[in-house]
């Protein structure tokens, strides 16, 4: 069975190739620029970044008022890289300079049926996805700022998946995602998690 380090290394290489293709297209990657990009991302750059999530939309999963997240980078999201059930970081549909954290509830091809009889069922089109809040106490369309408010979003607006949450110095742990993602992210979490660093940057 591959070691944690070898799985981590393989994940970084796969990420680096995906990032290069997103930046430079689908052409040959064995160029000086391509090799430099892949080398830098495999041996120097991290696969994660820290993001502070504020608000109660994802309570209690990410804390009652927010938390500091360790986010796995996803350079080019599609249904083979993010899965239904994942907690994802995406561009705010109403402010592209901001980011929100929501749970991925459906991807292209899913039929969406509302509990409100006034809403007509529809099918998510190619590259569309549906994201929702975890906080079930929020009123849909009124308090819950998610796809029930702003509709489907483009899956390429997803930039990462939350894999660990620090709610306070004594309350932290892995974020519950799909089984597929949990397996994919296990080596990343093992190699890049630094709770002390998260605590230093955390805002109460």
Protein backbone atom coordinates (compact mmCIF):
# COMPACT_ATOMS: atom_id res chain seq x y z
CA UNK A 1 0.00 0.00 0.00
CA UNK A 2 1.46 3.43 -0.95
CA UNK A 3 2.80 5.51 1.91
CA UNK A 4 1.22 8.80 2.93
CA UNK A 5 4.16 10.69 1.43
CA UNK A 6 3.99 8.90 -1.93
CA UNK A 7 0.24 9.51 -2.16
CA UNK A 8 0.82 13.15 -1.24
CA UNK A 9 3.53 13.47 -3.88
CA UNK A 10 1.28 11.89 -6.52
CA UNK A 11 -1.56 14.25 -5.56
CA UNK A 12 0.74 17.27 -5.87
CA UNK A 13 1.94 16.13 -9.30
CA UNK A 14 -1.63 15.62 -10.51
CA UNK A 15 -2.58 19.05 -9.18
CA UNK A 16 0.43 20.67 -10.87
CA UNK A 17 -0.42 19.21 -14.27
CA UNK A 18 -4.05 20.29 -13.88
CA UNK A 19 -2.96 23.81 -12.94
CA UNK A 20 -0.61 24.02 -15.90
CA UNK A 21 -3.33 22.90 -18.32
CA UNK A 22 -5.74 25.44 -16.88
CA UNK A 23 -3.18 28.21 -17.35
CA UNK A 24 -1.61 27.24 -20.66
CA UNK A 25 -4.20 25.06 -22.37
CA UNK A 26 -4.27 21.41 -23.36
CA UNK A 27 -1.12 21.42 -25.50
CA UNK A 28 2.16 19.64 -24.74
CA UNK A 29 3.32 20.16 -21.19
CA UNK A 30 6.96 19.09 -21.56
CA UNK A 31 8.26 22.59 -22.25
CA UNK A 32 10.72 24.55 -20.11
CA UNK A 33 7.88 26.71 -18.78
CA UNK A 34 5.70 23.66 -18.16
CA UNK A 35 8.41 21.75 -16.35
CA UNK A 36 9.24 24.78 -14.22
CA UNK A 37 5.56 25.22 -13.28
CA UNK A 38 5.19 21.56 -12.37
CA UNK A 39 8.48 21.48 -10.43
CA UNK A 40 7.58 24.58 -8.42
CA UNK A 41 4.12 23.27 -7.50
CA UNK A 42 5.33 19.77 -6.64
CA UNK A 43 8.37 20.71 -4.57
CA UNK A 44 7.72 24.25 -3.29
CA UNK A 45 4.07 25.32 -3.25
CA UNK A 46 1.44 23.97 -0.87
CA UNK A 47 -1.80 22.30 -1.89
CA UNK A 48 -3.72 24.24 0.75
CA UNK A 49 -4.42 27.75 1.99
CA UNK A 50 -6.13 29.25 5.03
CA UNK A 51 -9.50 30.95 4.69
CA UNK A 52 -11.56 32.59 7.42
CA UNK A 53 -15.25 31.86 7.01
CA UNK A 54 -17.58 34.24 8.83
CA UNK A 55 -21.31 34.03 9.34
CA UNK A 56 -23.77 31.43 10.57
CA UNK A 57 -24.73 29.92 7.20
CA UNK A 58 -22.56 26.82 7.72
CA UNK A 59 -23.33 26.33 11.43
CA UNK A 60 -22.81 24.07 13.21
CA UNK A 61 -20.34 22.43 10.78
CA UNK A 62 -18.01 25.43 10.66
CA UNK A 63 -18.94 27.02 13.99
CA UNK A 64 -21.85 29.20 15.04
CA UNK A 65 -20.22 32.38 13.74
CA UNK A 66 -17.48 31.03 11.51
CA UNK A 67 -14.06 29.46 11.67
CA UNK A 68 -10.60 29.26 10.14
CA UNK A 69 -10.49 26.69 7.37
CA UNK A 70 -7.69 24.69 5.80
CA UNK A 71 -8.73 24.59 2.14
CA UNK A 72 -7.50 22.14 -0.47
CA UNK A 73 -6.85 24.00 -3.74
CA UNK A 74 -8.81 22.91 -6.81
CA UNK A 75 -7.51 24.64 -9.97
CA UNK A 76 -10.21 23.50 -12.38
CA UNK A 77 -13.30 22.13 -10.66
CA UNK A 78 -15.55 19.62 -12.42
CA UNK A 79 -17.65 16.62 -11.25
CA UNK A 80 -14.49 14.46 -11.17
CA UNK A 81 -12.68 16.78 -8.74
CA UNK A 82 -15.47 17.90 -6.40
CA UNK A 83 -18.34 15.70 -5.31
CA UNK A 84 -21.83 16.06 -3.93
CA UNK A 85 -21.49 16.40 -0.17
CA UNK A 86 -18.26 18.42 -0.25
CA UNK A 87 -17.89 21.72 1.60
CA UNK A 88 -16.50 24.03 -1.07
CA UNK A 89 -15.11 27.55 -1.30
CA UNK A 90 -16.45 29.44 -4.31
CA UNK A 91 -16.70 32.92 -5.75
CA UNK A 92 -19.66 34.87 -4.42
CA UNK A 93 -22.18 34.98 -7.32
CA UNK A 94 -23.04 38.58 -6.45
CA UNK A 95 -19.48 39.78 -5.77
CA UNK A 96 -16.72 38.02 -7.71
CA UNK A 97 -14.03 39.54 -5.48
CA UNK A 98 -15.45 37.74 -2.44
CA UNK A 99 -15.76 34.07 -1.54
CA UNK A 100 -18.38 32.04 0.29
CA UNK A 101 -18.37 28.53 1.76
CA UNK A 102 -21.27 26.20 1.05
CA UNK A 103 -21.99 22.48 0.68
CA UNK A 104 -22.20 21.08 -2.85
CA UNK A 105 -25.68 19.56 -3.16
CA UNK A 106 -25.96 18.73 -6.88
CA UNK A 107 -24.03 18.88 -10.15
CA UNK A 108 -24.89 18.83 -13.86
CA UNK A 109 -27.64 16.40 -14.82
CA UNK A 110 -29.38 16.46 -11.45
CA UNK A 111 -33.11 17.21 -11.47
CA UNK A 112 -33.95 19.92 -8.96
CA UNK A 113 -37.40 19.69 -7.35
CA UNK A 114 -38.50 22.36 -4.89
CA UNK A 115 -40.66 21.82 -1.82
CA UNK A 116 -42.54 24.91 -2.98
CA UNK A 117 -45.27 23.88 -5.44
CA UNK A 118 -44.93 27.23 -7.19
CA UNK A 119 -41.42 26.33 -8.40
CA UNK A 120 -41.09 24.26 -11.57
CA UNK A 121 -38.62 21.33 -11.56
CA UNK A 122 -35.54 21.77 -13.73
CA UNK A 123 -32.32 19.95 -14.61
CA UNK A 124 -28.90 21.42 -13.95
CA UNK A 125 -27.13 22.08 -17.23
CA UNK A 126 -23.49 21.37 -18.14
CA UNK A 127 -21.02 22.91 -15.68
CA UNK A 128 -23.83 24.04 -13.35
CA UNK A 129 -23.99 23.09 -9.69
CA UNK A 130 -26.21 23.76 -6.68
CA UNK A 131 -24.81 24.83 -3.31
CA UNK A 132 -26.61 25.13 0.04
CA UNK A 133 -26.07 26.26 3.62
CA UNK A 134 -25.70 23.68 6.38
CA UNK A 135 -27.67 25.75 8.90
CA UNK A 136 -31.16 24.27 8.78
CA UNK A 137 -32.53 27.01 11.03
CA UNK A 138 -32.20 29.62 8.27
CA UNK A 139 -35.30 30.27 6.18
CA UNK A 140 -34.82 29.30 2.50
CA UNK A 141 -34.84 32.25 0.05
CA UNK A 142 -35.01 34.70 2.96
CA UNK A 143 -32.10 34.08 5.32
CA UNK A 144 -30.15 31.33 3.56
CA UNK A 145 -27.76 32.88 1.06
CA UNK A 146 -27.28 29.92 -1.28
CA UNK A 147 -28.57 28.53 -4.59
CA UNK A 148 -32.13 28.80 -3.30
CA UNK A 149 -31.48 32.55 -3.40
CA UNK A 150 -29.14 33.06 -6.34
CA UNK A 151 -29.79 29.89 -8.37
CA UNK A 152 -27.26 27.52 -9.97
CA UNK A 153 -23.60 28.54 -10.09
CA UNK A 154 -20.85 27.54 -12.50
CA UNK A 155 -18.80 24.71 -11.05
CA UNK A 156 -15.62 26.42 -12.27
CA UNK A 157 -16.28 29.14 -9.67
CA UNK A 158 -15.25 26.61 -7.03
CA UNK A 159 -11.63 27.22 -5.99
CA UNK A 160 -11.20 24.73 -3.16
CA UNK A 161 -12.60 22.24 -0.68
CA UNK A 162 -12.54 22.81 3.09
CA UNK A 163 -10.80 19.88 4.77
CA UNK A 164 -10.20 21.10 8.34
CA UNK A 165 -11.89 23.70 10.53
CA UNK A 166 -10.65 25.51 13.61
CA UNK A 167 -13.66 26.99 15.39
CA UNK A 168 -11.67 27.89 18.53
CA UNK A 169 -8.39 26.89 20.15
CA UNK A 170 -10.09 23.88 21.73
CA UNK A 171 -12.68 23.10 19.07
CA UNK A 172 -11.27 21.94 15.74
CA UNK A 173 -11.26 18.91 13.49
CA UNK A 174 -11.67 17.57 9.94
CA UNK A 175 -14.57 18.85 7.85
CA UNK A 176 -17.08 16.19 6.84
CA UNK A 177 -16.97 15.79 3.05
CA UNK A 178 -17.91 13.02 0.62
CA UNK A 179 -16.16 9.67 1.03
CA UNK A 180 -14.37 10.22 -2.31
CA UNK A 181 -12.92 13.53 -1.14
CA UNK A 182 -12.02 12.25 2.32
CA UNK A 183 -9.88 9.55 0.70
CA UNK A 184 -8.31 11.97 -1.79
CA UNK A 185 -7.50 14.57 0.85
CA UNK A 186 -6.20 12.26 3.59
CA UNK A 187 -2.54 12.57 2.57
CA UNK A 188 -2.84 16.34 2.08
CA UNK A 189 -4.33 16.73 5.55
CA UNK A 190 -1.60 14.56 7.06
CA UNK A 191 1.23 16.50 5.40
CA UNK A 192 -0.02 20.11 5.50
CA UNK A 193 -2.19 20.49 8.60
CA UNK A 194 -0.65 22.93 11.10
CA UNK A 195 -3.14 23.64 13.87
CA UNK A 196 -0.76 26.07 15.57
CA UNK A 197 -0.56 28.18 12.40
CA UNK A 198 -4.35 28.11 12.09
CA UNK A 199 -4.70 29.23 15.70
CA UNK A 200 -2.30 32.14 15.17
CA UNK A 201 -4.37 33.49 12.29
CA UNK A 202 -7.80 32.69 13.77
CA UNK A 203 -10.20 35.53 14.51
CA UNK A 204 -12.61 35.12 17.41
